[in-house]
């Protein structure tokens, strides 16, 4: 039964912390899609694709991009011509000489020195079921579409241009927080939007990454458009009846756990670190 997968999230609601009683005000859910279809085991990334990008979104709405060079040539990433366009319309360059990145995301750290095909990344994020099977069949790091590509990870520092070795990958130098995505966006009053088109979406954003495979003589770009295709917030109307709210979420969004990226958040008064579940990776290629 699908509710069992999330049973561990309910544990904090059954205990108290000192003299403070846990109180859950609502259960919220949202999912994000790309405007293009995602690859799958039956429709994998083509072997002639030169570049692939894997995107993860954290529970706080932080977006991370990892670029995969699928060619036998050196790939140059121009961060001065690579941008994040937030849902409020603001554009931010990946390169900013006044800002230095001093930490890496979980996604970057877990791939250090190890296998970097999407199956490995999916395993690090605990992605199983249909999503895990899809990830294992995509193999972003290699030239093929099956198997495992053993390569080293390059961490992109905040430089104007960075080179990636053939069949290697690198995390872009910054993460960006998406306005309208994350646990804070699911803490309001009741909302029931289980299926939204791009035009109906309350949150649309994009990433543009510029790259060259001819030594920087010419540059191409890969632009990925995202949109939030659902948002469901169910208030907990009676004390302790969290399961009822969770059940209503799944009744409203029956394909909730089949989305390529989704977030389930329990909005309660004590921050114990167990109030949300994030699942999925979104990717693009060219």
Protein backbone atom coordinates (compact mmCIF):
# COMPACT_ATOMS: atom_id res chain seq x y z
CA UNK A 1 0.00 0.00 0.00
CA UNK A 2 1.48 3.36 -1.03
CA UNK A 3 0.93 5.02 2.34
CA UNK A 4 3.35 2.62 4.01
CA UNK A 5 6.32 4.17 2.22
CA UNK A 6 5.73 7.39 4.12
CA UNK A 7 4.81 5.91 7.46
CA UNK A 8 8.16 6.89 8.96
CA UNK A 9 7.26 10.54 8.51
CA UNK A 10 4.44 10.21 10.99
CA UNK A 11 6.66 9.08 13.86
CA UNK A 12 7.55 12.61 15.05
CA UNK A 13 3.88 13.37 15.49
CA UNK A 14 3.48 10.63 18.06
CA UNK A 15 6.09 11.91 20.49
CA UNK A 16 6.69 15.11 22.38
CA UNK A 17 9.86 17.14 22.81
CA UNK A 18 10.26 18.09 26.44
CA UNK A 19 7.24 20.10 27.50
CA UNK A 20 6.37 21.12 23.93
CA UNK A 21 3.68 19.02 22.26
CA UNK A 22 4.01 18.44 18.56
CA UNK A 23 1.21 20.04 16.61
CA UNK A 24 0.67 19.55 12.88
CA UNK A 25 -1.28 22.25 11.12
CA UNK A 26 -1.29 20.85 7.56
CA UNK A 27 0.11 18.36 5.07
CA UNK A 28 1.36 19.75 1.77
CA UNK A 29 2.52 18.32 -1.55
CA UNK A 30 3.91 19.75 -4.77
CA UNK A 31 5.59 18.41 -7.89
CA UNK A 32 7.71 19.87 -10.69
CA UNK A 33 8.00 18.84 -14.33
CA UNK A 34 10.01 19.92 -17.35
CA UNK A 35 8.19 21.14 -20.44
CA UNK A 36 9.89 18.36 -22.44
CA UNK A 37 9.30 14.66 -21.82
CA UNK A 38 11.69 12.95 -19.46
CA UNK A 39 13.81 10.04 -20.74
CA UNK A 40 12.86 6.53 -19.70
CA UNK A 41 14.13 2.95 -20.15
CA UNK A 42 12.00 2.67 -23.29
CA UNK A 43 13.01 6.13 -24.54
CA UNK A 44 16.52 6.75 -23.22
CA UNK A 45 18.92 9.58 -23.94
CA UNK A 46 20.14 9.15 -27.54
CA UNK A 47 23.71 7.98 -27.98
CA UNK A 48 24.54 11.02 -30.10
CA UNK A 49 23.54 13.50 -27.36
CA UNK A 50 26.55 15.66 -26.59
CA UNK A 51 25.47 17.10 -23.25
CA UNK A 52 23.14 16.04 -20.45
CA UNK A 53 22.19 17.88 -17.27
CA UNK A 54 20.76 16.36 -14.09
CA UNK A 55 18.76 18.66 -11.82
CA UNK A 56 17.81 18.09 -8.19
CA UNK A 57 15.66 20.30 -5.99
CA UNK A 58 16.04 20.23 -2.21
CA UNK A 59 13.26 20.42 0.33
CA UNK A 60 13.98 24.13 0.72
CA UNK A 61 13.65 24.73 -3.03
CA UNK A 62 17.39 24.85 -3.81
CA UNK A 63 18.16 23.85 -7.41
CA UNK A 64 21.41 22.04 -8.28
CA UNK A 65 22.66 21.33 -11.82
CA UNK A 66 25.27 18.72 -12.76
CA UNK A 67 26.57 18.82 -16.35
CA UNK A 68 27.67 15.65 -18.16
CA UNK A 69 30.05 15.77 -21.11
CA UNK A 70 29.02 12.80 -23.25
CA UNK A 71 31.56 13.47 -25.99
CA UNK A 72 35.18 12.47 -26.59
CA UNK A 73 36.14 16.14 -26.72
CA UNK A 74 36.91 18.65 -23.98
CA UNK A 75 33.76 20.58 -23.11
CA UNK A 76 33.97 24.21 -22.03
CA UNK A 77 31.19 25.58 -19.81
CA UNK A 78 30.83 29.37 -19.97
CA UNK A 79 29.35 30.42 -16.64
CA UNK A 80 29.15 34.06 -17.70
CA UNK A 81 26.60 32.98 -20.32
CA UNK A 82 24.79 30.46 -18.12
CA UNK A 83 21.76 31.64 -16.17
CA UNK A 84 19.00 30.76 -13.75
CA UNK A 85 15.68 32.50 -14.40
CA UNK A 86 13.56 32.41 -11.25
CA UNK A 87 9.78 32.18 -11.12
CA UNK A 88 9.61 35.90 -10.30
CA UNK A 89 11.35 36.69 -13.59
CA UNK A 90 14.73 37.59 -12.08
CA UNK A 91 17.76 36.34 -14.02
CA UNK A 92 20.99 35.43 -12.21
CA UNK A 93 24.28 34.45 -13.84
CA UNK A 94 26.13 31.39 -12.61
CA UNK A 95 29.28 33.50 -12.58
CA UNK A 96 29.65 36.27 -10.06
CA UNK A 97 33.19 37.42 -9.21
CA UNK A 98 32.01 38.86 -5.88
CA UNK A 99 30.61 35.54 -4.61
CA UNK A 100 32.59 32.42 -3.69
CA UNK A 101 31.03 29.03 -3.22
CA UNK A 102 32.29 27.49 0.02
CA UNK A 103 30.15 24.38 0.19
CA UNK A 104 28.68 21.77 -2.08
CA UNK A 105 25.28 20.15 -2.08
CA UNK A 106 24.58 16.57 -1.04
CA UNK A 107 24.34 15.64 -4.68
CA UNK A 108 27.84 16.92 -5.39
CA UNK A 109 29.47 15.41 -2.33
CA UNK A 110 28.09 11.93 -2.76
CA UNK A 111 29.40 11.66 -6.32
CA UNK A 112 32.95 12.65 -5.45
CA UNK A 113 35.43 10.13 -6.72
CA UNK A 114 32.84 7.51 -7.54
CA UNK A 115 30.47 6.37 -10.21
CA UNK A 116 28.62 9.31 -11.69
CA UNK A 117 25.98 7.66 -13.81
CA UNK A 118 22.47 8.65 -12.79
CA UNK A 119 21.91 5.28 -11.19
CA UNK A 120 24.61 6.08 -8.63
CA UNK A 121 23.13 9.48 -7.93
CA UNK A 122 19.66 8.00 -7.60
CA UNK A 123 20.98 5.48 -5.09
CA UNK A 124 22.57 8.22 -3.04
CA UNK A 125 19.23 9.98 -2.82
CA UNK A 126 17.40 6.81 -1.88
CA UNK A 127 15.34 6.82 -5.05
CA UNK A 128 13.67 3.49 -5.64
CA UNK A 129 10.76 2.00 -7.49
CA UNK A 130 9.92 3.34 -10.93
CA UNK A 131 12.11 6.42 -10.58
CA UNK A 132 15.13 4.34 -9.59
CA UNK A 133 14.65 1.98 -12.52
CA UNK A 134 14.44 4.90 -14.93
CA UNK A 135 17.60 6.45 -13.47
CA UNK A 136 19.55 3.21 -13.75
CA UNK A 137 18.74 2.96 -17.46
CA UNK A 138 19.83 6.44 -18.46
CA UNK A 139 23.57 6.57 -17.72
CA UNK A 140 24.26 10.27 -18.22
CA UNK A 141 28.00 9.98 -17.87
CA UNK A 142 28.76 7.50 -20.67
CA UNK A 143 28.31 7.41 -24.37
CA UNK A 144 25.84 4.53 -24.19
CA UNK A 145 22.47 4.23 -22.57
CA UNK A 146 23.05 1.19 -20.37
CA UNK A 147 25.65 -0.01 -17.92
CA UNK A 148 27.88 2.03 -15.64
CA UNK A 149 30.41 4.73 -16.54
CA UNK A 150 33.23 5.09 -14.02
CA UNK A 151 34.51 8.66 -14.17
CA UNK A 152 35.75 11.30 -11.75
CA UNK A 153 33.71 14.29 -10.68
CA UNK A 154 34.96 17.83 -11.32
CA UNK A 155 33.66 20.54 -9.02
CA UNK A 156 33.10 23.74 -10.93
CA UNK A 157 34.51 26.68 -9.02
CA UNK A 158 33.32 30.22 -9.60
CA UNK A 159 35.32 30.91 -12.76
CA UNK A 160 34.15 32.48 -16.03
CA UNK A 161 34.86 29.28 -17.96
CA UNK A 162 35.52 25.72 -16.86
CA UNK A 163 36.55 22.69 -18.90
CA UNK A 164 35.21 19.17 -18.50
CA UNK A 165 37.24 16.20 -19.64
CA UNK A 166 35.70 13.76 -22.11
CA UNK A 167 32.95 11.64 -20.53
CA UNK A 168 33.21 13.45 -17.19
CA UNK A 169 30.85 15.67 -15.26
CA UNK A 170 30.83 18.76 -13.08
CA UNK A 171 28.41 20.45 -10.70
CA UNK A 172 27.67 24.05 -11.58
CA UNK A 173 29.16 26.47 -9.07
CA UNK A 174 25.93 27.61 -7.41
CA UNK A 175 22.58 26.45 -6.17
CA UNK A 176 19.59 28.75 -6.59
CA UNK A 177 16.46 28.92 -4.47
CA UNK A 178 13.27 28.72 -6.50
CA UNK A 179 10.55 31.13 -5.42
CA UNK A 180 7.38 29.12 -4.80
CA UNK A 181 9.04 25.73 -4.38
CA UNK A 182 9.94 24.10 -1.07
CA UNK A 183 8.48 23.47 2.36
CA UNK A 184 7.89 27.16 3.05
CA UNK A 185 5.56 27.31 0.04
CA UNK A 186 3.38 24.57 1.54
CA UNK A 187 2.67 26.12 4.91
CA UNK A 188 -0.33 28.27 4.03
CA UNK A 189 -4.06 27.69 3.87
CA UNK A 190 -5.87 24.93 1.98
CA UNK A 191 -4.98 24.51 -1.69
CA UNK A 192 -6.20 21.89 -4.16
CA UNK A 193 -4.34 22.07 -7.49
CA UNK A 194 -3.50 18.44 -8.31
CA UNK A 195 -2.93 18.90 -12.05
CA UNK A 196 -1.70 22.11 -13.65
CA UNK A 197 -0.50 22.85 -17.17
CA UNK A 198 2.49 25.07 -17.81
CA UNK A 199 0.13 27.97 -18.56
CA UNK A 200 -1.80 27.42 -15.31
CA UNK A 201 1.29 26.95 -13.14
CA UNK A 202 1.99 29.26 -10.21
CA UNK A 203 5.74 28.68 -10.59
CA UNK A 204 7.74 28.60 -13.83
CA UNK A 205 11.53 28.83 -14.01
CA UNK A 206 14.38 27.87 -16.30
CA UNK A 207 18.12 27.20 -16.56
CA UNK A 208 20.37 28.08 -19.51
CA UNK A 209 23.83 26.50 -19.74
CA UNK A 210 26.27 27.56 -22.47
CA UNK A 211 28.87 25.06 -23.65
CA UNK A 212 31.45 24.50 -26.37
CA UNK A 213 33.11 21.36 -27.70
CA UNK A 214 35.45 23.07 -30.19
CA UNK A 215 37.81 24.75 -27.79
CA UNK A 216 35.61 27.77 -27.19
CA UNK A 217 35.45 28.89 -30.81
CA UNK A 218 31.67 28.53 -30.88
CA UNK A 219 29.12 28.05 -28.11
CA UNK A 220 25.78 26.31 -28.04
CA UNK A 221 23.25 26.35 -25.20
CA UNK A 222 20.85 23.99 -23.51
CA UNK A 223 17.76 25.65 -22.03
CA UNK A 224 15.58 23.68 -19.62
CA UNK A 225 12.13 24.99 -18.74
CA UNK A 226 10.43 23.83 -15.53
CA UNK A 227 7.02 24.37 -14.02
CA UNK A 228 5.18 23.30 -10.87
CA UNK A 229 2.35 21.06 -12.05
CA UNK A 230 0.64 20.55 -8.70
CA UNK A 231 0.14 21.96 -5.22
CA UNK A 232 -2.06 20.41 -2.56
CA UNK A 233 -2.29 21.64 1.04
CA UNK A 234 -4.72 19.93 3.43
CA UNK A 235 -5.22 21.42 6.93
CA UNK A 236 -5.29 19.07 9.92
CA UNK A 237 -8.70 20.00 11.27
CA UNK A 238 -8.63 17.79 14.36
CA UNK A 239 -5.71 17.28 16.69
CA UNK A 240 -3.80 14.12 15.90
CA UNK A 241 -5.70 13.37 12.68
CA UNK A 242 -2.63 13.74 10.44
CA UNK A 243 -3.38 10.51 8.61
CA UNK A 244 -6.71 11.92 7.49
CA UNK A 245 -4.97 14.92 5.91
CA UNK A 246 -2.35 12.70 4.27
CA UNK A 247 -5.09 10.48 2.88
CA UNK A 248 -6.83 13.51 1.38
CA UNK A 249 -3.59 14.54 -0.32
CA UNK A 250 -3.33 11.17 -2.03
CA UNK A 251 -6.99 11.12 -2.91
CA UNK A 252 -6.58 14.47 -4.63
CA UNK A 253 -3.23 13.66 -6.29
CA UNK A 254 -3.50 9.95 -7.07
CA UNK A 255 -0.28 9.84 -9.10
CA UNK A 256 1.70 11.71 -6.42
CA UNK A 257 4.57 9.23 -6.03
CA UNK A 258 4.88 8.72 -9.79
CA UNK A 259 5.97 12.28 -10.54
CA UNK A 260 9.60 12.72 -11.57
CA UNK A 261 10.15 15.22 -8.73
CA UNK A 262 7.90 15.72 -5.73
CA UNK A 263 7.90 17.05 -2.19
CA UNK A 264 5.67 15.99 0.70
CA UNK A 265 5.77 18.27 3.73
CA UNK A 266 4.23 18.00 7.21
CA UNK A 267 3.89 21.50 8.62
CA UNK A 268 4.36 21.22 12.37
CA UNK A 269 5.56 23.45 15.16
CA UNK A 270 8.86 21.74 16.01
CA UNK A 271 11.71 21.46 13.55
CA UNK A 272 12.99 17.92 14.01
CA UNK A 273 14.30 17.30 10.49
CA UNK A 274 11.75 14.60 9.66
CA UNK A 275 8.90 16.73 8.41
CA UNK A 276 9.47 16.39 4.66
CA UNK A 277 10.23 13.86 1.95
CA UNK A 278 11.84 14.88 -1.33
CA UNK A 279 12.13 12.49 -4.25
CA UNK A 280 13.29 12.61 -7.83
CA UNK A 281 15.72 13.94 -10.43
CA UNK A 282 14.89 15.90 -13.57
CA UNK A 283 17.19 15.86 -16.59
CA UNK A 284 17.69 17.33 -20.02
CA UNK A 285 20.00 16.59 -22.93
CA UNK A 286 20.97 17.88 -26.35
